[in-house]
Protein backbone atom coordinates (compact mmCIF):
# COMPACT_ATOMS: atom_id res chain seq x y z
CA UNK A 1 -62.08 -55.48 -9.45
CA UNK A 2 -64.40 -53.84 -7.10
CA UNK A 3 -63.54 -51.39 -4.78
CA UNK A 4 -65.36 -50.06 -1.89
CA UNK A 5 -65.11 -46.24 -1.20
CA UNK A 6 -66.03 -44.52 1.95
CA UNK A 7 -65.89 -40.82 2.85
CA UNK A 8 -64.15 -40.60 6.29
CA UNK A 9 -63.24 -37.28 8.40
CA UNK A 10 -60.05 -36.30 10.03
CA UNK A 11 -59.87 -36.12 13.48
CA UNK A 12 -57.31 -35.21 16.31
CA UNK A 13 -55.54 -37.42 18.70
CA UNK A 14 -56.58 -36.35 22.40
CA UNK A 15 -52.58 -35.83 22.93
CA UNK A 16 -52.63 -33.16 20.35
CA UNK A 17 -55.30 -31.32 22.34
CA UNK A 18 -53.40 -31.89 25.67
CA UNK A 19 -50.30 -30.28 23.60
CA UNK A 20 -52.26 -27.32 22.55
CA UNK A 21 -53.50 -26.80 25.95
CA UNK A 22 -49.88 -26.20 27.25
CA UNK A 23 -48.64 -24.71 24.06
CA UNK A 24 -50.68 -21.74 24.32
CA UNK A 25 -50.01 -21.06 27.79
CA UNK A 26 -47.26 -18.23 27.40
CA UNK A 27 -47.63 -16.90 31.00
CA UNK A 28 -49.91 -16.90 33.85
CA UNK A 29 -50.93 -13.27 33.28
CA UNK A 30 -51.81 -14.32 29.70
CA UNK A 31 -54.08 -16.99 30.81
CA UNK A 32 -55.91 -14.49 33.37
CA UNK A 33 -56.10 -12.15 30.18
CA UNK A 34 -58.19 -14.81 28.50
CA UNK A 35 -60.50 -15.26 31.37
CA UNK A 36 -61.13 -11.37 31.06
CA UNK A 37 -61.63 -11.45 27.47
CA UNK A 38 -64.06 -14.49 27.76
CA UNK A 39 -65.80 -12.46 30.43
CA UNK A 40 -66.33 -9.48 28.40
CA UNK A 41 -67.67 -11.84 25.54
CA UNK A 42 -70.25 -13.24 28.07
CA UNK A 43 -71.70 -9.75 28.53
CA UNK A 44 -70.06 -9.06 32.11
CA UNK A 45 -70.38 -5.55 33.36
CA UNK A 46 -67.80 -6.29 36.19
CA UNK A 47 -64.96 -8.62 36.42
CA UNK A 48 -62.99 -9.61 39.82
CA UNK A 49 -59.66 -11.58 40.31
CA UNK A 50 -58.10 -12.25 43.39
CA UNK A 51 -54.70 -13.80 43.30
CA UNK A 52 -52.19 -14.88 45.81
CA UNK A 53 -49.24 -17.19 45.77
CA UNK A 54 -51.08 -20.40 45.95
CA UNK A 55 -54.62 -19.98 44.43
CA UNK A 56 -56.88 -17.73 42.66
CA UNK A 57 -60.53 -16.63 42.18
CA UNK A 58 -62.18 -15.02 39.02
CA UNK A 59 -65.78 -14.02 38.99
CA UNK A 60 -67.87 -11.93 36.61
CA UNK A 61 -71.64 -11.33 36.06
CA UNK A 62 -71.88 -12.26 32.75
CA UNK A 63 -74.37 -15.00 31.00
CA UNK A 64 -72.23 -18.04 31.87
CA UNK A 65 -73.56 -21.33 30.66
CA UNK A 66 -77.10 -21.44 30.43
CA UNK A 67 -77.77 -25.22 28.93
CA UNK A 68 -75.76 -28.23 29.18
CA UNK A 69 -75.61 -28.22 25.35
CA UNK A 70 -73.33 -25.17 25.71
CA UNK A 71 -71.44 -26.94 28.00
CA UNK A 72 -70.78 -29.76 25.79
CA UNK A 73 -70.18 -27.73 22.87
CA UNK A 74 -68.37 -24.61 23.89
CA UNK A 75 -66.54 -25.82 27.20
CA UNK A 76 -65.97 -29.42 26.55
CA UNK A 77 -64.95 -28.94 22.93
CA UNK A 78 -61.78 -27.30 22.08
CA UNK A 79 -61.92 -25.29 18.72
CA UNK A 80 -65.65 -24.73 18.39
CA UNK A 81 -65.74 -21.30 16.22
CA UNK A 82 -67.77 -18.37 17.40
CA UNK A 83 -70.74 -17.26 15.00
CA UNK A 84 -70.37 -13.92 13.52
CA UNK A 85 -70.86 -11.34 16.13
CA UNK A 86 -71.63 -13.35 18.94
CA UNK A 87 -68.35 -12.45 20.50
CA UNK A 88 -66.03 -9.65 20.69
CA UNK A 89 -62.68 -11.41 21.18
CA UNK A 90 -63.43 -14.80 20.88
CA UNK A 91 -62.86 -17.00 17.78
CA UNK A 92 -62.26 -20.72 18.29
CA UNK A 93 -63.06 -21.01 22.02
CA UNK A 94 -59.21 -22.19 23.08
CA UNK A 95 -58.26 -19.54 25.49
CA UNK A 96 -59.57 -21.35 28.62
CA UNK A 97 -56.94 -24.09 28.01
CA UNK A 98 -54.24 -21.54 29.30
CA UNK A 99 -55.34 -21.61 33.08
CA UNK A 100 -56.01 -25.19 32.73
CA UNK A 101 -52.30 -25.38 32.29
CA UNK A 102 -51.47 -23.42 35.24
CA UNK A 103 -53.83 -24.92 37.99
CA UNK A 104 -56.61 -27.48 39.02
CA UNK A 105 -59.54 -25.42 38.76
CA UNK A 106 -63.51 -25.35 39.43
CA UNK A 107 -66.01 -23.51 37.26
CA UNK A 108 -69.33 -22.51 38.82
CA UNK A 109 -72.00 -21.06 36.03
CA UNK A 110 -75.76 -21.42 36.12
CA UNK A 111 -76.78 -24.77 37.36
CA UNK A 112 -73.31 -26.32 36.49
CA UNK A 113 -69.83 -27.06 37.89
CA UNK A 114 -66.99 -28.43 35.83
CA UNK A 115 -63.85 -29.59 37.89
CA UNK A 116 -60.59 -29.69 35.79
CA UNK A 117 -57.34 -31.21 36.50
CA UNK A 118 -55.18 -31.65 33.34
CA UNK A 119 -52.09 -32.39 35.25
CA UNK A 120 -53.59 -35.19 37.18
CA UNK A 121 -56.38 -36.58 35.09
CA UNK A 122 -55.28 -35.45 31.46
CA UNK A 123 -58.54 -34.57 29.46
CA UNK A 124 -61.10 -35.81 31.72
CA UNK A 125 -63.27 -33.59 34.04
CA UNK A 126 -66.01 -33.81 36.29
CA UNK A 127 -69.70 -32.19 35.22
CA UNK A 128 -72.32 -31.68 37.92
CA UNK A 129 -75.55 -30.31 37.21
CA UNK A 130 -77.84 -28.88 39.95
CA UNK A 131 -81.53 -28.30 39.94
CA UNK A 132 -80.91 -24.65 41.46
CA UNK A 133 -78.47 -21.85 40.23
CA UNK A 134 -75.25 -22.45 41.68
CA UNK A 135 -73.50 -19.16 40.68
CA UNK A 136 -75.25 -16.27 38.56
CA UNK A 137 -72.34 -15.63 36.18
CA UNK A 138 -69.38 -17.50 36.20
CA UNK A 139 -66.91 -18.14 39.09
CA UNK A 140 -63.34 -19.67 38.46
CA UNK A 141 -61.50 -20.86 41.30
CA UNK A 142 -58.01 -22.52 41.13
CA UNK A 143 -55.02 -23.92 43.08
CA UNK A 144 -51.64 -23.59 41.27
CA UNK A 145 -49.90 -26.50 40.38
CA UNK A 146 -46.36 -24.57 41.29
CA UNK A 147 -46.68 -21.96 44.00
CA UNK A 148 -45.46 -18.25 43.11
CA UNK A 149 -42.70 -16.48 44.83
CA UNK A 150 -43.66 -13.02 45.98
CA UNK A 151 -41.80 -11.41 43.15
CA UNK A 152 -43.50 -13.77 40.54
CA UNK A 153 -46.89 -12.96 41.83
CA UNK A 154 -46.05 -9.11 41.97
CA UNK A 155 -44.85 -9.57 38.20
CA UNK A 156 -47.97 -11.13 37.40
CA UNK A 157 -50.28 -8.77 38.79
CA UNK A 158 -48.41 -5.82 37.24
CA UNK A 159 -48.21 -7.67 33.95
CA UNK A 160 -52.18 -8.34 34.00
CA UNK A 161 -52.81 -4.83 35.01
CA UNK A 162 -51.21 -3.50 32.11
CA UNK A 163 -52.80 -5.67 29.80
CA UNK A 164 -56.36 -5.02 30.61
CA UNK A 165 -55.87 -1.10 31.40
CA UNK A 166 -58.22 0.08 28.83
CA UNK A 167 -60.65 -2.73 28.77
CA UNK A 168 -64.43 -0.90 28.84
CA UNK A 169 -65.85 -2.78 31.86
CA UNK A 170 -64.56 -2.69 35.64
CA UNK A 171 -61.88 -4.93 36.15
CA UNK A 172 -60.48 -5.61 39.96
CA UNK A 173 -57.62 -7.22 40.69
CA UNK A 174 -57.28 -7.99 44.57
CA UNK A 175 -59.99 -5.31 45.35
CA UNK A 176 -58.32 -2.51 43.30
CA UNK A 177 -59.84 -1.41 39.89
CA UNK A 178 -56.91 -1.25 37.66
CA UNK A 179 -58.45 -0.24 34.06
CA UNK A 180 -60.09 2.83 32.82
CA UNK A 181 -62.48 2.75 29.42
CA UNK A 182 -60.48 4.62 26.72
CA UNK A 183 -63.79 6.82 26.20
CA UNK A 184 -63.02 8.15 29.48
CA UNK A 185 -59.31 9.15 29.02
CA UNK A 186 -57.41 12.02 27.41
CA UNK A 187 -55.93 11.32 23.79
CA UNK A 188 -53.75 13.08 21.45
CA UNK A 189 -55.51 11.78 18.48
CA UNK A 190 -58.85 10.21 17.87
CA UNK A 191 -60.22 8.71 14.54
CA UNK A 192 -63.27 6.45 13.96
CA UNK A 193 -60.68 3.40 14.15
CA UNK A 194 -58.86 4.08 17.47
CA UNK A 195 -57.47 6.20 20.25
CA UNK A 196 -53.83 7.32 19.98
CA UNK A 197 -51.29 8.72 22.69
CA UNK A 198 -47.81 9.43 21.82
CA UNK A 199 -45.19 9.89 24.60
CA UNK A 200 -41.78 8.94 24.76
CA UNK A 201 -41.48 5.28 25.81
CA UNK A 202 -39.79 1.92 25.09
CA UNK A 203 -42.20 1.18 22.12
CA UNK A 204 -45.75 1.22 20.78
CA UNK A 205 -48.16 -0.51 22.85
CA UNK A 206 -51.45 -1.80 20.65
CA UNK A 207 -54.62 -2.49 22.32
CA UNK A 208 -57.25 -4.57 20.72
CA UNK A 209 -60.71 -2.90 21.98
CA UNK A 210 -58.76 -2.35 25.18
CA UNK A 211 -57.08 -5.93 25.61
CA UNK A 212 -53.25 -5.62 24.91
CA UNK A 213 -51.77 -7.19 21.88
CA UNK A 214 -48.19 -6.66 21.30
CA UNK A 215 -45.57 -3.80 21.54
CA UNK A 216 -43.79 -2.75 18.51
CA UNK A 217 -40.33 -1.35 18.75
CA UNK A 218 -40.58 2.47 18.66
CA UNK A 219 -38.49 3.08 15.60
CA UNK A 220 -40.85 0.77 13.37
CA UNK A 221 -43.10 3.65 13.15
CA UNK A 222 -41.07 6.45 14.17
CA UNK A 223 -43.23 6.85 17.33
CA UNK A 224 -43.97 5.55 20.55
CA UNK A 225 -47.08 5.26 22.98
CA UNK A 226 -50.25 3.84 22.98
CA UNK A 227 -53.03 2.72 20.48
CA UNK A 228 -56.23 1.57 21.46
CA UNK A 229 -58.56 0.22 18.76
CA UNK A 230 -62.47 0.91 18.93
CA UNK A 231 -63.25 -2.44 16.97
CA UNK A 232 -61.83 -5.60 16.31
CA UNK A 233 -58.36 -5.96 14.76
CA UNK A 234 -57.43 -8.95 12.99
CA UNK A 235 -55.20 -10.81 15.19
CA UNK A 236 -53.26 -14.18 15.18
CA UNK A 237 -54.56 -17.35 16.63
CA UNK A 238 -52.76 -16.62 20.01
CA UNK A 239 -54.11 -13.00 20.01
CA UNK A 240 -50.54 -11.81 20.59
CA UNK A 241 -50.03 -10.21 17.21
CA UNK A 242 -51.76 -8.21 14.11
CA UNK A 243 -52.23 -9.77 10.76
CA UNK A 244 -51.22 -6.57 9.33
CA UNK A 245 -51.62 -7.56 5.71
CA UNK A 246 -55.11 -8.70 6.24
CA UNK A 247 -56.42 -5.78 8.62
CA UNK A 248 -57.72 -2.91 7.01
CA UNK A 249 -58.57 -1.16 10.07
CA UNK A 250 -54.96 -1.68 11.09
CA UNK A 251 -53.82 -0.17 7.81
CA UNK A 252 -55.58 3.08 8.53
CA UNK A 253 -54.21 3.11 11.91
CA UNK A 254 -50.62 2.65 10.53
CA UNK A 255 -51.18 5.62 8.24
CA UNK A 256 -52.12 7.77 11.29
CA UNK A 257 -48.86 6.54 13.28
CA UNK A 258 -46.75 7.26 10.08
CA UNK A 259 -48.30 10.50 9.24
CA UNK A 260 -47.57 11.72 13.02
CA UNK A 261 -44.07 10.33 13.10
CA UNK A 262 -43.31 12.19 9.78
CA UNK A 263 -44.67 15.49 11.08
CA UNK A 264 -43.00 15.18 14.54
CA UNK A 265 -39.60 14.11 13.44
CA UNK A 266 -38.97 16.34 10.74
CA UNK A 267 -39.81 19.17 12.81
CA UNK A 268 -38.21 18.30 16.14
CA UNK A 269 -35.49 20.54 16.90
CA UNK A 270 -33.77 17.30 18.39
CA UNK A 271 -33.72 13.96 17.07
CA UNK A 272 -33.71 10.87 19.61
CA UNK A 273 -32.48 7.49 18.41
CA UNK A 274 -35.97 6.48 17.72
CA UNK A 275 -36.58 9.35 15.33
CA UNK A 276 -33.35 9.01 13.69
CA UNK A 277 -33.62 5.27 12.69
CA UNK A 278 -37.19 6.18 11.47
CA UNK A 279 -36.06 8.86 9.45
CA UNK A 280 -33.04 6.68 8.08
CA UNK A 281 -35.58 3.96 7.23
CA UNK A 282 -38.18 6.37 5.78
CA UNK A 283 -35.39 8.00 3.66
CA UNK A 284 -34.03 4.73 2.18
CA UNK A 285 -37.41 3.37 1.29
CA UNK A 286 -38.31 6.64 -0.51
CA UNK A 287 -41.18 7.93 1.70
CA UNK A 288 -39.01 10.87 2.54
CA UNK A 289 -36.99 13.10 -0.01
CA UNK A 290 -33.13 13.74 0.67
CA UNK A 291 -33.84 17.50 0.47
CA UNK A 292 -36.11 16.96 3.52
CA UNK A 293 -33.46 15.66 5.76
CA UNK A 294 -30.16 16.55 4.37
CA UNK A 295 -29.74 19.22 7.25
CA UNK A 296 -30.85 16.61 9.67
CA UNK A 297 -28.27 14.89 11.95
CA UNK A 298 -28.83 11.27 10.85
CA UNK A 299 -25.10 10.39 11.11
CA UNK A 300 -23.36 9.16 14.22
CA UNK A 301 -19.63 9.49 14.65
CA UNK A 302 -17.35 7.04 16.86
CA UNK A 303 -17.34 9.56 19.75
CA UNK A 304 -21.17 10.02 19.71
CA UNK A 305 -21.50 13.21 17.99
CA UNK A 306 -24.28 13.71 15.42
CA UNK A 307 -23.56 15.19 11.99
CA UNK A 308 -25.99 16.31 9.16
CA UNK A 309 -25.77 14.11 6.03
CA UNK A 310 -24.83 17.46 4.24
CA UNK A 311 -21.76 17.76 6.06
CA UNK A 312 -21.06 14.13 5.23
CA UNK A 313 -21.68 14.98 1.38
CA UNK A 314 -19.37 17.91 1.66
CA UNK A 315 -16.76 16.57 3.28
CA UNK A 316 -13.11 17.16 2.56
CA UNK A 317 -11.80 14.56 4.84
CA UNK A 318 -11.55 10.80 4.45
CA UNK A 319 -14.73 9.01 5.81
CA UNK A 320 -13.68 5.53 7.80
CA UNK A 321 -15.37 3.72 10.33
CA UNK A 322 -14.04 2.86 13.74
CA UNK A 323 -14.13 -0.90 14.75
CA UNK A 324 -16.03 -0.35 18.11
CA UNK A 325 -17.75 2.59 20.04
CA UNK A 326 -15.79 4.63 22.22
CA UNK A 327 -12.32 4.21 20.59
CA UNK A 328 -9.95 6.73 21.81
CA UNK A 329 -7.88 6.64 18.51
CA UNK A 330 -11.22 7.50 16.71
CA UNK A 331 -11.78 10.13 18.90
CA UNK A 332 -8.27 11.58 18.15
CA UNK A 333 -8.98 11.49 14.50
CA UNK A 334 -12.08 13.48 14.88
CA UNK A 335 -11.10 16.31 17.26
CA UNK A 336 -7.97 16.70 15.22
CA UNK A 337 -9.80 16.81 12.02
CA UNK A 338 -7.91 14.16 10.24
CA UNK A 339 -10.91 11.93 9.23
CA UNK A 340 -14.59 11.73 9.71
CA UNK A 341 -15.08 8.52 11.84
CA UNK A 342 -18.51 6.96 11.66
CA UNK A 343 -19.72 4.60 14.60
CA UNK A 344 -20.60 1.02 13.44
CA UNK A 345 -24.22 1.88 14.46
CA UNK A 346 -24.50 4.48 11.50
CA UNK A 347 -23.49 1.57 9.04
CA UNK A 348 -26.14 -0.80 10.79
CA UNK A 349 -28.75 1.70 10.42
CA UNK A 350 -28.38 2.16 6.90
CA UNK A 351 -28.10 -1.54 6.46
CA UNK A 352 -24.35 -1.41 5.19
CA UNK A 353 -21.13 -2.95 5.94
CA UNK A 354 -18.51 -0.59 4.66
CA UNK A 355 -18.26 3.34 4.45
CA UNK A 356 -18.26 3.18 0.70
CA UNK A 357 -21.43 1.28 0.48
CA UNK A 358 -23.00 3.83 2.90
CA UNK A 359 -21.69 6.63 0.40
CA UNK A 360 -23.07 4.78 -2.54
CA UNK A 361 -26.18 4.09 -0.97
CA UNK A 362 -26.59 8.05 -0.41
CA UNK A 363 -25.78 8.76 -3.70
CA UNK A 364 -28.40 6.62 -5.28
CA UNK A 365 -31.04 8.21 -3.13
CA UNK A 366 -30.10 11.70 -4.04
CA UNK A 367 -30.03 10.52 -7.87
CA UNK A 368 -33.48 8.73 -7.20
CA UNK A 369 -35.28 11.88 -5.83
CA UNK A 370 -36.38 13.81 -8.92
CA UNK A 371 -36.76 17.18 -6.72
CA UNK A 372 -32.93 16.94 -5.93
CA UNK A 373 -31.52 15.63 -9.12
CA UNK A 374 -30.50 18.80 -10.98
CA UNK A 375 -28.72 19.88 -7.72
CA UNK A 376 -26.95 16.45 -7.20
CA UNK A 377 -25.75 15.85 -10.50
CA UNK A 378 -22.23 16.24 -9.50
CA UNK A 379 -22.61 13.03 -7.57
CA UNK A 380 -20.79 14.60 -4.30
CA UNK A 381 -21.00 11.48 -2.26
CA UNK A 382 -18.88 9.52 -4.98
CA UNK A 383 -16.18 12.54 -4.71
CA UNK A 384 -15.86 11.53 -0.73
CA UNK A 385 -12.91 9.78 -0.17
CA UNK A 386 -12.78 6.53 1.93
CA UNK A 387 -9.89 5.44 4.18
CA UNK A 388 -8.78 2.34 6.45
CA UNK A 389 -9.22 2.98 9.91
CA UNK A 390 -5.96 1.09 10.65
CA UNK A 391 -3.96 2.98 8.22
CA UNK A 392 -5.08 6.42 9.79
CA UNK A 393 -4.30 5.17 13.18
CA UNK A 394 -0.73 3.83 12.83
CA UNK A 395 0.75 6.90 14.18
CA UNK A 396 -1.99 6.73 17.45
CA UNK A 397 -1.79 4.38 20.37
CA UNK A 398 -5.04 3.71 22.22
CA UNK A 399 -3.70 4.95 25.17
CA UNK A 400 -2.80 8.12 23.70
CA UNK A 401 -4.30 11.12 25.43
CA UNK A 402 -3.95 15.11 24.93
CA UNK A 403 -3.24 16.74 28.30
CA UNK A 404 -4.76 20.24 29.34
CA UNK A 405 -2.40 22.82 30.93
CA UNK A 406 -3.93 22.59 33.99
CA UNK A 407 -2.55 19.10 34.31
CA UNK A 408 1.01 19.97 33.66
CA UNK A 409 3.68 20.53 36.34
CA UNK A 410 5.18 23.86 36.74
CA UNK A 411 8.32 22.70 34.96
CA UNK A 412 6.31 21.02 31.96
CA UNK A 413 4.26 24.34 31.69
CA UNK A 414 7.35 26.61 31.47
CA UNK A 415 8.91 24.41 28.96
CA UNK A 416 5.66 24.43 26.81
CA UNK A 417 5.32 28.36 27.04
CA UNK A 418 9.24 28.54 25.89
CA UNK A 419 8.51 26.31 22.88
CA UNK A 420 5.44 28.53 22.14
CA UNK A 421 7.43 31.78 22.57
CA UNK A 422 10.37 30.48 20.19
CA UNK A 423 7.87 29.38 17.61
CA UNK A 424 6.14 32.91 17.57
CA UNK A 425 9.90 34.40 17.62
CA UNK A 426 10.83 32.21 14.50
CA UNK A 427 7.63 33.17 12.63
CA UNK A 428 8.17 36.82 13.12
CA UNK A 429 11.73 36.76 12.02
CA UNK A 430 10.68 34.70 8.82
CA UNK A 431 7.95 37.27 7.89
CA UNK A 432 10.76 40.08 8.32
CA UNK A 433 12.97 38.50 5.71
CA UNK A 434 9.88 37.99 3.38
């Protein structure tokens, strides 16, 4: 039986391209960020964006498109890869699709004009070519499909300004320069890979060659602030995350972050929640040894008080956990010295469910660390008792409250003093008989 065999090539349906255009457009500010990156890749020395609630203009003095072949291969085709070294940010020429999703837009560059309106025309666009230069560089004008409220416009401008704040060519938004090249700033640490500024903020913001990539939770590295890479980080397709396992530059940056966090958190007189969580994580995975942190206040009680691991290790009181934060009964058990009542947060930070599991984890840590194994051979954490919170709190009601003497009436205060005097007299008489 004779068979005819031919080699065929897979292709993408136009609807998939249309879907990709819309799927990658997370926010309008991100769409403008892509325009900024494309301008930098085009060699621009100045980028200016004007936005109002209905329309926008983005202008740069880069090289633009210089011939029809570039338009057909780089603008018309999505996914054409960049060649090594021909762009700082670009990889697959997909980013321009984000602004397509938000607006009908007109591109003027060199001798070419491209009119795009994917909402009304799909993947068809108009290409015009003139004998004369239409625009030296690139100018993009657009009308938004959905007009923005003033609050939305303000958020977009603020967000975009934060995302381009460290780009190394001037970026103007509505006539205002919103960035400063990192080489002109003041930094706490500078290496061959990056600039670092450490400060108390909500997280660690990472910029890839001046362009915002993502923000890590502060407790992930034990520090917060800003990192700006000098050369390209290995980022994902959407350019909103770092491929940490594949990026050697990021691994070196992470080493600097970890070293700084360790130094600061071990020497700091007081720990905030970020530092506390980081030290706990480092202790659990073995990056920090138990003796280094046994005196640090890593344990949070139900009333918000922080105590050192050492106090928990040598506790003669039973350990329990409050079912919720701010429990009045838990506060009474603590203030009257009847139990060590942990906050549920402490168990979460150590990734355990019960107080007994917490004590077992801490015991295993002390046995693991060779530098402390001789001292902790008595397994003190195993000797600490654990109690049930409900059993301890049976004699208390949730509305029970100790009164101060200043809150008593004159009659109540007189009775209290009489009881105290009677107790004192009774103790004296007993002592005489002994």
